[in-house]
Amino acid sequence: MNSTADPGTEASVETVATLVHGRWLLVEPDRPPTALLLGFHGFGELADDSLPALRQLAAGQPWVLAAVQGLHPFYRRNGSIVASWMTSLDRELAIDDNVAYVARVVATLRRRFPSAQRLGCVGFSQGVAMAYRAAAGCGMPCHALLSMAGDVPPELRDGSRPLPPVLLCRGSEDEWYSDAKVDHDLEVLRRLEVPVETCRFEGGHEWTEEVFAAGRSFLAERLNPT
């Protein structure tokens, strides 16, 4: 028997949970680690792109480095493979998936490196929102968050989940993360009574030596045992 759907009937949107494998890069220190440092890349990048910044920020420190890669790879026009954390399509589901993914990464790291009792998160551009989400929901208390050229995500602006001390960085020529966005984020974090420092530097949407210097000091103060 043939069946013809009524062309006027609207389709309903359905979703189903499925298993997707996440990819992350791991660098172990040459002595027993005291902390975990997670990195979250920007839009159109890979974990490989955030690892050099983590190495710079952790230079000389006994920290485990984990550069986490977004779950949504895609091809650029030149054929290179890059990734994104999410789009506006099914955004809330993507946030839940991403936080659960990072929580599994952290749980794996804690089993392998039980001496690493502190956690730091580093985000660049689109990865900043993921750094905040990881800090708030990865299942391990976070002690420091370096926000490099990205916003506090909307769902964390109500204070419902605690955030760690933040170093907020912005380049003077950054067209994506404007002074107005910086001021708004500072207002949000101060209202939530989150300790926050700023690093404003000459440059654009990019890492600079000034940021690395400020980041090394900020992270070392909070991730090393007292």
N, C-alpha and C. Protein backbone atom coordinates (compact mmCIF):
# COMPACT_ATOMS: atom_id res chain seq x y z
N MET A 1 0.85 -1.19 0.00
CA MET A 1 0.00 0.00 0.00
C MET A 1 0.88 1.23 0.00
N ASN A 2 0.58 2.17 -0.85
CA ASN A 2 1.33 3.41 -0.91
C ASN A 2 0.73 4.43 0.04
N SER A 3 1.61 5.27 0.59
CA SER A 3 1.15 6.33 1.49
C SER A 3 1.79 7.64 1.06
N THR A 4 0.99 8.65 0.93
CA THR A 4 1.48 9.97 0.54
C THR A 4 1.24 10.94 1.68
N ALA A 5 2.33 11.56 2.16
CA ALA A 5 2.20 12.50 3.27
C ALA A 5 1.51 13.77 2.79
N ASP A 6 0.73 14.34 3.65
CA ASP A 6 0.08 15.61 3.38
C ASP A 6 1.15 16.69 3.33
N PRO A 7 1.37 17.34 2.18
CA PRO A 7 2.43 18.35 2.08
C PRO A 7 2.22 19.54 3.01
N GLY A 8 1.01 19.68 3.54
CA GLY A 8 0.77 20.79 4.45
C GLY A 8 1.06 20.47 5.90
N THR A 9 1.39 19.21 6.20
CA THR A 9 1.67 18.82 7.58
C THR A 9 3.07 19.27 7.98
N GLU A 10 3.17 19.95 9.11
CA GLU A 10 4.48 20.42 9.57
C GLU A 10 5.25 19.29 10.23
N ALA A 11 6.55 19.29 10.04
CA ALA A 11 7.41 18.30 10.68
C ALA A 11 7.71 18.74 12.11
N SER A 12 7.76 17.78 13.00
CA SER A 12 8.16 18.08 14.38
C SER A 12 9.66 17.84 14.52
N VAL A 13 10.31 18.62 15.35
CA VAL A 13 11.74 18.47 15.60
C VAL A 13 11.94 17.48 16.73
N GLU A 14 12.70 16.43 16.47
CA GLU A 14 13.00 15.40 17.46
C GLU A 14 14.52 15.34 17.66
N THR A 15 14.95 14.98 18.85
CA THR A 15 16.37 14.79 19.11
C THR A 15 16.58 13.48 19.83
N VAL A 16 17.77 12.92 19.70
CA VAL A 16 18.11 11.68 20.38
C VAL A 16 19.58 11.77 20.80
N ALA A 17 19.87 11.30 22.00
CA ALA A 17 21.26 11.29 22.47
C ALA A 17 22.03 10.21 21.73
N THR A 18 23.29 10.51 21.41
CA THR A 18 24.13 9.56 20.70
C THR A 18 25.56 9.70 21.19
N LEU A 19 26.40 8.70 20.89
CA LEU A 19 27.79 8.71 21.34
C LEU A 19 28.67 9.35 20.28
N VAL A 20 29.44 10.36 20.69
CA VAL A 20 30.43 10.99 19.82
C VAL A 20 31.76 10.99 20.56
N HIS A 21 32.83 10.63 19.88
CA HIS A 21 34.13 10.61 20.53
C HIS A 21 34.79 11.98 20.45
N GLY A 22 35.23 12.48 21.60
CA GLY A 22 35.95 13.74 21.66
C GLY A 22 37.45 13.50 21.60
N ARG A 23 38.16 14.49 21.10
CA ARG A 23 39.62 14.39 20.91
C ARG A 23 40.28 15.48 21.73
N TRP A 24 41.35 15.12 22.45
CA TRP A 24 42.08 16.11 23.22
C TRP A 24 43.55 15.72 23.26
N LEU A 25 44.40 16.72 23.43
CA LEU A 25 45.84 16.51 23.45
C LEU A 25 46.34 16.62 24.88
N LEU A 26 47.22 15.70 25.26
CA LEU A 26 47.72 15.60 26.63
C LEU A 26 49.23 15.78 26.66
N VAL A 27 49.69 16.61 27.57
CA VAL A 27 51.12 16.77 27.83
C VAL A 27 51.36 16.59 29.32
N GLU A 28 52.21 15.62 29.68
CA GLU A 28 52.51 15.35 31.08
C GLU A 28 53.78 16.09 31.50
N PRO A 29 53.83 16.59 32.73
CA PRO A 29 55.06 17.23 33.22
C PRO A 29 56.12 16.18 33.53
N ASP A 30 57.36 16.63 33.74
CA ASP A 30 58.45 15.71 34.01
C ASP A 30 58.61 15.38 35.49
N ARG A 31 57.64 15.80 36.31
CA ARG A 31 57.63 15.47 37.72
C ARG A 31 56.18 15.36 38.17
N PRO A 32 55.93 14.83 39.38
CA PRO A 32 54.53 14.65 39.80
C PRO A 32 53.74 15.94 39.68
N PRO A 33 52.60 15.89 38.99
CA PRO A 33 51.85 17.13 38.74
C PRO A 33 51.07 17.60 39.97
N THR A 34 50.92 18.91 40.06
CA THR A 34 50.14 19.52 41.14
C THR A 34 48.83 20.09 40.65
N ALA A 35 48.69 20.23 39.33
CA ALA A 35 47.48 20.88 38.79
C ALA A 35 47.20 20.40 37.38
N LEU A 36 45.95 20.59 36.97
CA LEU A 36 45.51 20.35 35.61
C LEU A 36 45.22 21.70 34.96
N LEU A 37 45.68 21.88 33.73
CA LEU A 37 45.39 23.10 32.99
C LEU A 37 44.71 22.72 31.68
N LEU A 38 43.43 23.11 31.56
CA LEU A 38 42.64 22.79 30.37
C LEU A 38 42.62 23.98 29.42
N GLY A 39 42.73 23.71 28.12
CA GLY A 39 42.67 24.75 27.11
C GLY A 39 41.54 24.53 26.13
N PHE A 40 40.87 25.62 25.73
CA PHE A 40 39.73 25.56 24.82
C PHE A 40 39.97 26.53 23.66
N HIS A 41 40.07 25.98 22.45
CA HIS A 41 40.44 26.75 21.27
C HIS A 41 39.28 27.62 20.77
N GLY A 42 39.61 28.49 19.83
CA GLY A 42 38.61 29.36 19.23
C GLY A 42 37.91 28.71 18.05
N PHE A 43 36.93 29.42 17.49
CA PHE A 43 36.20 28.93 16.32
C PHE A 43 37.16 28.75 15.15
N GLY A 44 36.99 27.62 14.44
CA GLY A 44 37.83 27.38 13.26
C GLY A 44 39.25 27.00 13.60
N GLU A 45 39.47 26.52 14.81
CA GLU A 45 40.79 26.04 15.22
C GLU A 45 40.68 24.58 15.65
N LEU A 46 41.81 24.04 16.10
CA LEU A 46 41.87 22.69 16.65
C LEU A 46 42.57 22.73 17.99
N ALA A 47 42.54 21.61 18.69
CA ALA A 47 43.29 21.50 19.94
C ALA A 47 44.76 21.81 19.72
N ASP A 48 45.27 21.46 18.55
CA ASP A 48 46.67 21.74 18.22
C ASP A 48 46.99 23.23 18.28
N ASP A 49 45.97 24.07 18.04
CA ASP A 49 46.19 25.51 18.05
C ASP A 49 46.23 26.08 19.46
N SER A 50 45.56 25.45 20.42
CA SER A 50 45.58 25.97 21.79
C SER A 50 46.73 25.42 22.61
N LEU A 51 47.32 24.30 22.18
CA LEU A 51 48.39 23.70 22.97
C LEU A 51 49.63 24.60 23.12
N PRO A 52 50.07 25.31 22.06
CA PRO A 52 51.24 26.19 22.26
C PRO A 52 51.01 27.25 23.33
N ALA A 53 49.80 27.81 23.40
CA ALA A 53 49.51 28.80 24.44
C ALA A 53 49.58 28.16 25.83
N LEU A 54 49.05 26.94 25.96
CA LEU A 54 49.12 26.26 27.25
C LEU A 54 50.58 26.02 27.65
N ARG A 55 51.40 25.63 26.69
CA ARG A 55 52.83 25.41 26.99
C ARG A 55 53.48 26.69 27.49
N GLN A 56 53.17 27.81 26.86
CA GLN A 56 53.73 29.09 27.29
C GLN A 56 53.27 29.46 28.68
N LEU A 57 52.00 29.27 28.96
CA LEU A 57 51.44 29.66 30.25
C LEU A 57 51.94 28.76 31.38
N ALA A 58 52.28 27.52 31.06
CA ALA A 58 52.69 26.56 32.08
C ALA A 58 54.20 26.35 32.10
N ALA A 59 54.96 27.19 31.43
CA ALA A 59 56.41 26.99 31.32
C ALA A 59 57.05 26.80 32.69
N GLY A 60 57.72 25.66 32.88
CA GLY A 60 58.43 25.40 34.12
C GLY A 60 57.57 24.89 35.26
N GLN A 61 56.27 24.74 35.04
CA GLN A 61 55.36 24.34 36.11
C GLN A 61 55.04 22.84 36.04
N PRO A 62 54.79 22.20 37.18
CA PRO A 62 54.43 20.78 37.18
C PRO A 62 52.94 20.56 36.95
N TRP A 63 52.46 20.98 35.80
CA TRP A 63 51.04 20.90 35.50
C TRP A 63 50.80 19.98 34.31
N VAL A 64 49.71 19.22 34.38
CA VAL A 64 49.24 18.44 33.24
C VAL A 64 48.49 19.38 32.30
N LEU A 65 48.83 19.32 31.01
CA LEU A 65 48.16 20.16 30.02
C LEU A 65 47.19 19.31 29.21
N ALA A 66 45.98 19.79 29.05
CA ALA A 66 44.97 19.10 28.24
C ALA A 66 44.31 20.11 27.31
N ALA A 67 44.63 20.03 26.02
CA ALA A 67 44.00 20.89 25.02
C ALA A 67 42.80 20.14 24.47
N VAL A 68 41.61 20.64 24.78
CA VAL A 68 40.36 19.95 24.44
C VAL A 68 39.84 20.48 23.10
N GLN A 69 39.41 19.56 22.24
CA GLN A 69 38.94 19.95 20.92
C GLN A 69 37.43 19.90 20.83
N GLY A 70 36.85 20.89 20.16
CA GLY A 70 35.42 20.94 19.96
C GLY A 70 34.88 19.70 19.26
N LEU A 71 33.65 19.36 19.55
CA LEU A 71 33.04 18.13 19.03
C LEU A 71 32.53 18.25 17.60
N HIS A 72 32.67 19.43 16.99
CA HIS A 72 32.05 19.65 15.68
C HIS A 72 33.10 20.04 14.64
N PRO A 73 33.82 19.06 14.07
CA PRO A 73 34.81 19.37 13.03
C PRO A 73 34.13 19.70 11.70
N PHE A 74 34.81 20.50 10.89
CA PHE A 74 34.31 20.79 9.54
C PHE A 74 35.49 21.16 8.65
N TYR A 75 35.25 21.13 7.34
CA TYR A 75 36.28 21.48 6.37
C TYR A 75 36.22 22.96 6.03
N ARG A 76 37.37 23.59 5.99
CA ARG A 76 37.46 24.92 5.38
C ARG A 76 37.52 24.75 3.86
N ARG A 77 37.38 25.85 3.16
CA ARG A 77 37.37 25.78 1.70
C ARG A 77 38.68 25.25 1.14
N ASN A 78 39.77 25.46 1.88
CA ASN A 78 41.07 24.97 1.41
C ASN A 78 41.29 23.50 1.74
N GLY A 79 40.28 22.86 2.34
CA GLY A 79 40.38 21.44 2.64
C GLY A 79 40.91 21.12 4.02
N SER A 80 41.38 22.12 4.76
CA SER A 80 41.88 21.86 6.11
C SER A 80 40.72 21.59 7.05
N ILE A 81 40.98 20.79 8.08
CA ILE A 81 39.96 20.42 9.06
C ILE A 81 40.12 21.30 10.29
N VAL A 82 39.02 21.91 10.71
CA VAL A 82 38.98 22.73 11.92
C VAL A 82 37.72 22.33 12.71
N ALA A 83 37.47 23.01 13.80
CA ALA A 83 36.33 22.62 14.63
C ALA A 83 35.65 23.83 15.25
N SER A 84 34.44 23.58 15.74
CA SER A 84 33.64 24.59 16.44
C SER A 84 33.05 23.94 17.68
N TRP A 85 32.72 24.78 18.66
CA TRP A 85 32.07 24.25 19.87
C TRP A 85 30.57 24.08 19.70
N MET A 86 29.95 24.98 18.95
CA MET A 86 28.50 24.88 18.74
C MET A 86 28.05 25.97 17.79
N THR A 87 26.78 25.85 17.36
CA THR A 87 26.12 26.92 16.61
C THR A 87 24.85 27.27 17.38
N SER A 88 24.04 28.13 16.82
CA SER A 88 22.76 28.48 17.47
C SER A 88 21.73 27.34 17.36
N LEU A 89 21.95 26.38 16.45
CA LEU A 89 21.03 25.26 16.28
C LEU A 89 21.15 24.31 17.46
N ASP A 90 20.06 24.07 18.17
CA ASP A 90 20.04 23.19 19.34
C ASP A 90 21.15 23.58 20.33
N ARG A 91 21.25 24.86 20.56
CA ARG A 91 22.34 25.39 21.38
C ARG A 91 22.36 24.80 22.79
N GLU A 92 21.21 24.73 23.43
CA GLU A 92 21.18 24.24 24.81
C GLU A 92 21.61 22.79 24.90
N LEU A 93 21.22 21.97 23.92
CA LEU A 93 21.67 20.59 23.90
C LEU A 93 23.17 20.50 23.69
N ALA A 94 23.70 21.37 22.82
CA ALA A 94 25.14 21.38 22.57
C ALA A 94 25.91 21.77 23.82
N ILE A 95 25.39 22.74 24.58
CA ILE A 95 26.04 23.13 25.83
C ILE A 95 26.10 21.94 26.78
N ASP A 96 24.99 21.24 26.94
CA ASP A 96 24.97 20.07 27.83
C ASP A 96 25.96 19.01 27.36
N ASP A 97 25.99 18.76 26.04
CA ASP A 97 26.93 17.77 25.50
C ASP A 97 28.37 18.16 25.78
N ASN A 98 28.68 19.44 25.56
CA ASN A 98 30.05 19.91 25.74
C ASN A 98 30.49 19.84 27.20
N VAL A 99 29.63 20.23 28.11
CA VAL A 99 29.98 20.19 29.53
C VAL A 99 30.17 18.74 29.98
N ALA A 100 29.30 17.84 29.53
CA ALA A 100 29.46 16.43 29.88
C ALA A 100 30.76 15.87 29.32
N TYR A 101 31.10 16.26 28.12
CA TYR A 101 32.35 15.84 27.47
C TYR A 101 33.56 16.29 28.28
N VAL A 102 33.59 17.55 28.65
CA VAL A 102 34.72 18.07 29.43
C VAL A 102 34.78 17.41 30.80
N ALA A 103 33.63 17.16 31.40
CA ALA A 103 33.61 16.48 32.70
C ALA A 103 34.24 15.09 32.60
N ARG A 104 34.03 14.40 31.49
CA ARG A 104 34.64 13.09 31.31
C ARG A 104 36.14 13.21 31.12
N VAL A 105 36.58 14.24 30.41
CA VAL A 105 38.02 14.48 30.28
C VAL A 105 38.64 14.72 31.65
N VAL A 106 38.01 15.56 32.46
CA VAL A 106 38.53 15.87 33.78
C VAL A 106 38.55 14.63 34.67
N ALA A 107 37.49 13.84 34.61
CA ALA A 107 37.44 12.61 35.41
C ALA A 107 38.57 11.66 35.01
N THR A 108 38.85 11.57 33.71
CA THR A 108 39.95 10.73 33.24
C THR A 108 41.29 11.25 33.78
N LEU A 109 41.48 12.54 33.72
CA LEU A 109 42.72 13.13 34.21
C LEU A 109 42.90 12.93 35.71
N ARG A 110 41.83 13.05 36.45
CA ARG A 110 41.93 12.89 37.90
C ARG A 110 42.29 11.45 38.28
N ARG A 111 41.80 10.50 37.53
CA ARG A 111 42.17 9.10 37.80
C ARG A 111 43.64 8.86 37.48
N ARG A 112 44.11 9.45 36.40
CA ARG A 112 45.50 9.21 35.98
C ARG A 112 46.50 10.01 36.78
N PHE A 113 46.08 11.18 37.28
CA PHE A 113 47.02 12.07 37.97
C PHE A 113 46.41 12.51 39.31
N PRO A 114 46.33 11.61 40.28
CA PRO A 114 45.67 11.95 41.55
C PRO A 114 46.39 13.03 42.34
N SER A 115 47.66 13.27 42.05
CA SER A 115 48.38 14.33 42.78
C SER A 115 48.01 15.72 42.29
N ALA A 116 47.35 15.82 41.14
CA ALA A 116 46.95 17.12 40.59
C ALA A 116 45.64 17.55 41.23
N GLN A 117 45.76 18.38 42.26
CA GLN A 117 44.59 18.74 43.08
C GLN A 117 43.97 20.07 42.71
N ARG A 118 44.57 20.79 41.79
CA ARG A 118 44.03 22.09 41.39
C ARG A 118 43.74 22.10 39.90
N LEU A 119 42.83 22.98 39.51
CA LEU A 119 42.39 23.05 38.12
C LEU A 119 42.38 24.48 37.64
N GLY A 120 42.91 24.68 36.43
CA GLY A 120 42.82 25.96 35.75
C GLY A 120 42.23 25.78 34.37
N CYS A 121 41.49 26.77 33.89
CA CYS A 121 40.88 26.73 32.56
C CYS A 121 41.32 27.95 31.76
N VAL A 122 41.64 27.72 30.49
CA VAL A 122 42.10 28.78 29.59
C VAL A 122 41.26 28.73 28.33
N GLY A 123 40.64 29.85 27.96
CA GLY A 123 39.85 29.89 26.75
C GLY A 123 40.27 31.02 25.84
N PHE A 124 40.20 30.77 24.53
CA PHE A 124 40.48 31.80 23.53
C PHE A 124 39.26 31.96 22.64
N SER A 125 38.77 33.19 22.48
CA SER A 125 37.69 33.54 21.57
C SER A 125 36.45 32.69 21.88
N GLN A 126 35.94 31.90 20.92
CA GLN A 126 34.76 31.09 21.19
C GLN A 126 34.99 30.12 22.34
N GLY A 127 36.24 29.72 22.53
CA GLY A 127 36.57 28.79 23.60
C GLY A 127 36.47 29.39 24.99
N VAL A 128 36.37 30.72 25.10
CA VAL A 128 36.23 31.34 26.42
C VAL A 128 34.94 30.88 27.10
N ALA A 129 33.84 30.88 26.36
CA ALA A 129 32.58 30.43 26.94
C ALA A 129 32.69 29.00 27.45
N MET A 130 33.42 28.15 26.71
CA MET A 130 33.61 26.78 27.15
C MET A 130 34.49 26.73 28.40
N ALA A 131 35.46 27.61 28.51
CA ALA A 131 36.29 27.64 29.71
C ALA A 131 35.45 27.99 30.93
N TYR A 132 34.56 28.96 30.78
CA TYR A 132 33.65 29.30 31.89
C TYR A 132 32.75 28.11 32.23
N ARG A 133 32.19 27.48 31.20
CA ARG A 133 31.29 26.35 31.45
C ARG A 133 32.01 25.19 32.11
N ALA A 134 33.24 24.95 31.68
CA ALA A 134 34.04 23.88 32.30
C ALA A 134 34.33 24.21 33.75
N ALA A 135 34.70 25.46 34.01
CA ALA A 135 35.02 25.88 35.38
C ALA A 135 33.82 25.70 36.30
N ALA A 136 32.62 25.92 35.75
CA ALA A 136 31.41 25.86 36.57
C ALA A 136 30.81 24.47 36.67
N GLY A 137 31.12 23.57 35.73
CA GLY A 137 30.37 22.32 35.69
C GLY A 137 31.13 21.06 35.37
N CYS A 138 32.48 21.06 35.50
CA CYS A 138 33.24 19.88 35.10
C CYS A 138 33.35 18.83 36.19
N GLY A 139 32.82 19.11 37.37
CA GLY A 139 32.87 18.13 38.45
C GLY A 139 34.08 18.24 39.35
N MET A 140 34.93 19.23 39.13
CA MET A 140 36.10 19.48 39.97
C MET A 140 36.17 20.97 40.25
N PRO A 141 36.44 21.37 41.49
CA PRO A 141 36.56 22.80 41.76
C PRO A 141 37.65 23.44 40.90
N CYS A 142 37.34 24.59 40.33
CA CYS A 142 38.29 25.31 39.49
C CYS A 142 38.88 26.47 40.29
N HIS A 143 40.18 26.69 40.14
CA HIS A 143 40.88 27.69 40.94
C HIS A 143 41.28 28.93 40.16
N ALA A 144 41.25 28.86 38.81
CA ALA A 144 41.67 30.01 38.01
C ALA A 144 41.14 29.86 36.59
N LEU A 145 40.75 31.00 36.00
CA LEU A 145 40.23 31.00 34.64
C LEU A 145 40.85 32.16 33.88
N LEU A 146 41.52 31.86 32.78
CA LEU A 146 42.08 32.90 31.92
C LEU A 146 41.15 33.06 30.72
N SER A 147 40.55 34.23 30.61
CA SER A 147 39.61 34.54 29.54
C SER A 147 40.32 35.43 28.52
N MET A 148 40.61 34.86 27.35
CA MET A 148 41.34 35.59 26.32
C MET A 148 40.42 35.90 25.14
N ALA A 149 39.89 37.13 25.15
CA ALA A 149 39.13 37.65 24.00
C ALA A 149 37.80 36.94 23.80
N GLY A 150 37.04 36.78 24.88
CA GLY A 150 35.72 36.17 24.75
C GLY A 150 34.83 36.53 25.92
N ASP A 151 33.52 36.25 25.78
CA ASP A 151 32.51 36.70 26.73
C ASP A 151 32.19 35.68 27.81
N VAL A 152 31.65 36.19 28.92
CA VAL A 152 31.01 35.33 29.91
C VAL A 152 29.71 34.80 29.27
N PRO A 153 29.49 33.48 29.24
CA PRO A 153 28.27 32.97 28.59
C PRO A 153 27.01 33.39 29.34
N PRO A 154 25.93 33.63 28.62
CA PRO A 154 24.70 34.18 29.24
C PRO A 154 24.16 33.36 30.40
N GLU A 155 24.23 32.03 30.30
CA GLU A 155 23.59 31.19 31.31
C GLU A 155 24.34 31.18 32.65
N LEU A 156 25.55 31.78 32.68
CA LEU A 156 26.31 31.83 33.93
C LEU A 156 26.32 33.22 34.56
N ARG A 157 25.54 34.12 34.00
CA ARG A 157 25.55 35.50 34.50
C ARG A 157 24.60 35.73 35.67
N ASP A 158 23.87 34.68 36.08
CA ASP A 158 22.92 34.86 37.17
C ASP A 158 23.47 34.41 38.52
N GLY A 159 24.70 33.89 38.54
CA GLY A 159 25.30 33.49 39.80
C GLY A 159 24.84 32.15 40.31
N SER A 160 24.13 31.37 39.49
CA SER A 160 23.61 30.08 39.95
C SER A 160 24.70 29.04 40.14
N ARG A 161 25.86 29.25 39.49
CA ARG A 161 26.98 28.35 39.65
C ARG A 161 28.24 29.16 39.93
N PRO A 162 29.06 28.71 40.87
CA PRO A 162 30.24 29.51 41.26
C PRO A 162 31.29 29.54 40.16
N LEU A 163 31.98 30.66 40.08
CA LEU A 163 33.07 30.83 39.14
C LEU A 163 34.36 31.13 39.90
N PRO A 164 35.50 30.74 39.36
CA PRO A 164 36.78 30.99 40.03
C PRO A 164 37.28 32.40 39.72
N PRO A 165 38.39 32.80 40.32
CA PRO A 165 39.03 34.06 39.93
C PRO A 165 39.34 34.08 38.43
N VAL A 166 39.16 35.24 37.82
CA VAL A 166 39.27 35.37 36.36
C VAL A 166 40.32 36.42 36.01
N LEU A 167 41.15 36.10 35.01
CA LEU A 167 42.00 37.09 34.35
C LEU A 167 41.38 37.35 33.00
N LEU A 168 40.90 38.55 32.78
CA LEU A 168 40.18 38.93 31.57
C LEU A 168 41.12 39.74 30.68
N CYS A 169 41.35 39.23 29.45
CA CYS A 169 42.36 39.84 28.56
C CYS A 169 41.70 40.35 27.28
N ARG A 170 42.15 41.56 26.86
CA ARG A 170 41.58 42.14 25.65
C ARG A 170 42.60 43.04 24.95
N GLY A 171 42.75 42.83 23.63
CA GLY A 171 43.65 43.66 22.83
C GLY A 171 42.99 44.94 22.38
N SER A 172 43.77 46.00 22.29
CA SER A 172 43.21 47.32 21.96
C SER A 172 42.61 47.37 20.56
N GLU A 173 43.06 46.50 19.66
CA GLU A 173 42.56 46.50 18.29
C GLU A 173 41.62 45.33 18.00
N ASP A 174 41.14 44.69 19.03
CA ASP A 174 40.27 43.52 18.86
C ASP A 174 38.89 43.95 18.40
N GLU A 175 38.51 43.55 17.18
CA GLU A 175 37.20 43.92 16.64
C GLU A 175 36.09 43.01 17.15
N TRP A 176 36.42 41.83 17.66
CA TRP A 176 35.40 40.87 18.09
C TRP A 176 35.03 41.04 19.56
N TYR A 177 36.04 41.31 20.37
CA TYR A 177 35.80 41.48 21.81
C TYR A 177 36.07 42.93 22.17
N SER A 178 35.02 43.73 22.11
CA SER A 178 35.15 45.18 22.20
C SER A 178 35.30 45.65 23.65
N ASP A 179 35.65 46.92 23.80
CA ASP A 179 35.73 47.52 25.13
C ASP A 179 34.38 47.45 25.83
N ALA A 180 33.30 47.62 25.07
CA ALA A 180 31.97 47.55 25.68
C ALA A 180 31.69 46.16 26.24
N LYS A 181 32.13 45.12 25.53
CA LYS A 181 31.95 43.76 26.04
C LYS A 181 32.81 43.51 27.27
N VAL A 182 34.02 44.04 27.27
CA VAL A 182 34.88 43.92 28.46
C VAL A 182 34.20 44.56 29.66
N ASP A 183 33.73 45.79 29.47
CA ASP A 183 33.09 46.50 30.58
C ASP A 183 31.86 45.74 31.09
N HIS A 184 31.10 45.16 30.16
CA HIS A 184 29.93 44.39 30.57
C HIS A 184 30.33 43.16 31.37
N ASP A 185 31.36 42.45 30.90
CA ASP A 185 31.82 41.26 31.62
C ASP A 185 32.35 41.62 33.01
N LEU A 186 33.07 42.73 33.08
CA LEU A 186 33.58 43.17 34.39
C LEU A 186 32.43 43.49 35.34
N GLU A 187 31.39 44.13 34.82
CA GLU A 187 30.22 44.45 35.64
C GLU A 187 29.56 43.17 36.14
N VAL A 188 29.42 42.18 35.25
CA VAL A 188 28.80 40.90 35.62
C VAL A 188 29.63 40.20 36.70
N LEU A 189 30.92 40.07 36.47
CA LEU A 189 31.77 39.34 37.41
C LEU A 189 31.84 40.03 38.76
N ARG A 190 31.91 41.34 38.76
CA ARG A 190 31.95 42.06 40.04
C ARG A 190 30.61 41.95 40.78
N ARG A 191 29.53 41.97 40.03
CA ARG A 191 28.22 41.79 40.67
C ARG A 191 28.13 40.41 41.31
N LEU A 192 28.74 39.42 40.68
CA LEU A 192 28.74 38.06 41.22
C LEU A 192 29.82 37.86 42.29
N GLU A 193 30.57 38.92 42.56
CA GLU A 193 31.66 38.89 43.55
C GLU A 193 32.73 37.87 43.18
N VAL A 194 32.98 37.75 41.87
CA VAL A 194 34.07 36.92 41.38
C VAL A 194 35.34 37.76 41.33
N PRO A 195 36.43 37.35 41.97
CA PRO A 195 37.67 38.10 41.86
C PRO A 195 38.11 38.18 40.39
N VAL A 196 38.37 39.38 39.91
CA VAL A 196 38.71 39.54 38.50
C VAL A 196 39.85 40.53 38.33
N GLU A 197 40.78 40.18 37.45
CA GLU A 197 41.87 41.06 37.05
C GLU A 197 41.78 41.26 35.55
N THR A 198 42.39 42.31 35.04
CA THR A 198 42.37 42.57 33.61
C THR A 198 43.77 42.70 33.05
N CYS A 199 43.91 42.33 31.81
CA CYS A 199 45.14 42.55 31.05
C CYS A 199 44.73 43.18 29.73
N ARG A 200 44.88 44.48 29.64
CA ARG A 200 44.59 45.20 28.39
C ARG A 200 45.93 45.47 27.72
N PHE A 201 46.04 45.08 26.44
CA PHE A 201 47.34 45.13 25.77
C PHE A 201 47.19 45.71 24.37
N GLU A 202 48.30 46.13 23.81
CA GLU A 202 48.32 46.61 22.43
C GLU A 202 48.33 45.41 21.49
N GLY A 203 47.29 45.31 20.67
CA GLY A 203 47.20 44.18 19.76
C GLY A 203 45.77 43.88 19.41
N GLY A 204 45.58 42.79 18.67
CA GLY A 204 44.25 42.44 18.21
C GLY A 204 43.71 41.19 18.88
N HIS A 205 43.02 40.38 18.10
CA HIS A 205 42.39 39.14 18.58
C HIS A 205 43.45 38.04 18.55
N GLU A 206 44.39 38.11 19.48
CA GLU A 206 45.58 37.26 19.39
C GLU A 206 46.29 37.18 20.73
N TRP A 207 47.07 36.11 20.89
CA TRP A 207 47.95 35.99 22.05
C TRP A 207 49.18 36.87 21.85
N THR A 208 49.64 37.48 22.93
CA THR A 208 50.86 38.28 22.88
C THR A 208 51.73 37.93 24.08
N GLU A 209 52.98 38.36 24.05
CA GLU A 209 53.90 38.11 25.16
C GLU A 209 53.39 38.76 26.45
N GLU A 210 52.72 39.91 26.31
CA GLU A 210 52.18 40.57 27.50
C GLU A 210 51.11 39.70 28.17
N VAL A 211 50.27 39.07 27.35
CA VAL A 211 49.24 38.19 27.89
C VAL A 211 49.88 36.97 28.54
N PHE A 212 50.87 36.39 27.88
CA PHE A 212 51.53 35.22 28.46
C PHE A 212 52.17 35.55 29.80
N ALA A 213 52.81 36.70 29.90
CA ALA A 213 53.44 37.09 31.16
C ALA A 213 52.41 37.26 32.26
N ALA A 214 51.32 37.96 31.95
CA ALA A 214 50.26 38.16 32.94
C ALA A 214 49.61 36.83 33.30
N GLY A 215 49.40 35.98 32.29
CA GLY A 215 48.76 34.69 32.53
C GLY A 215 49.62 33.76 33.37
N ARG A 216 50.92 33.74 33.11
CA ARG A 216 51.81 32.89 33.90
C ARG A 216 51.75 33.26 35.38
N SER A 217 51.80 34.56 35.64
CA SER A 217 51.76 35.03 37.03
C SER A 217 50.42 34.70 37.68
N PHE A 218 49.35 34.98 36.98
CA PHE A 218 47.99 34.73 37.50
C PHE A 218 47.78 33.26 37.82
N LEU A 219 48.15 32.39 36.89
CA LEU A 219 47.93 30.96 37.08
C LEU A 219 48.85 30.37 38.15
N ALA A 220 50.11 30.79 38.15
CA ALA A 220 51.05 30.24 39.12
C ALA A 220 50.61 30.57 40.55
N GLU A 221 50.10 31.77 40.74
CA GLU A 221 49.66 32.19 42.08
C GLU A 221 48.52 31.33 42.60
N ARG A 222 47.68 30.83 41.67
CA ARG A 222 46.47 30.12 42.08
C ARG A 222 46.51 28.60 41.94
N LEU A 223 47.44 28.11 41.13
CA LEU A 223 47.50 26.67 40.89
C LEU A 223 48.62 25.96 41.64
N ASN A 224 49.57 26.70 42.16
CA ASN A 224 50.66 26.07 42.90
C ASN A 224 50.31 25.93 44.39
N PRO A 225 50.70 24.84 45.00
CA PRO A 225 50.41 24.67 46.44
C PRO A 225 51.05 25.77 47.26
N THR A 226 50.35 26.20 48.29
CA THR A 226 50.89 27.26 49.15
C THR A 226 51.71 26.67 50.28
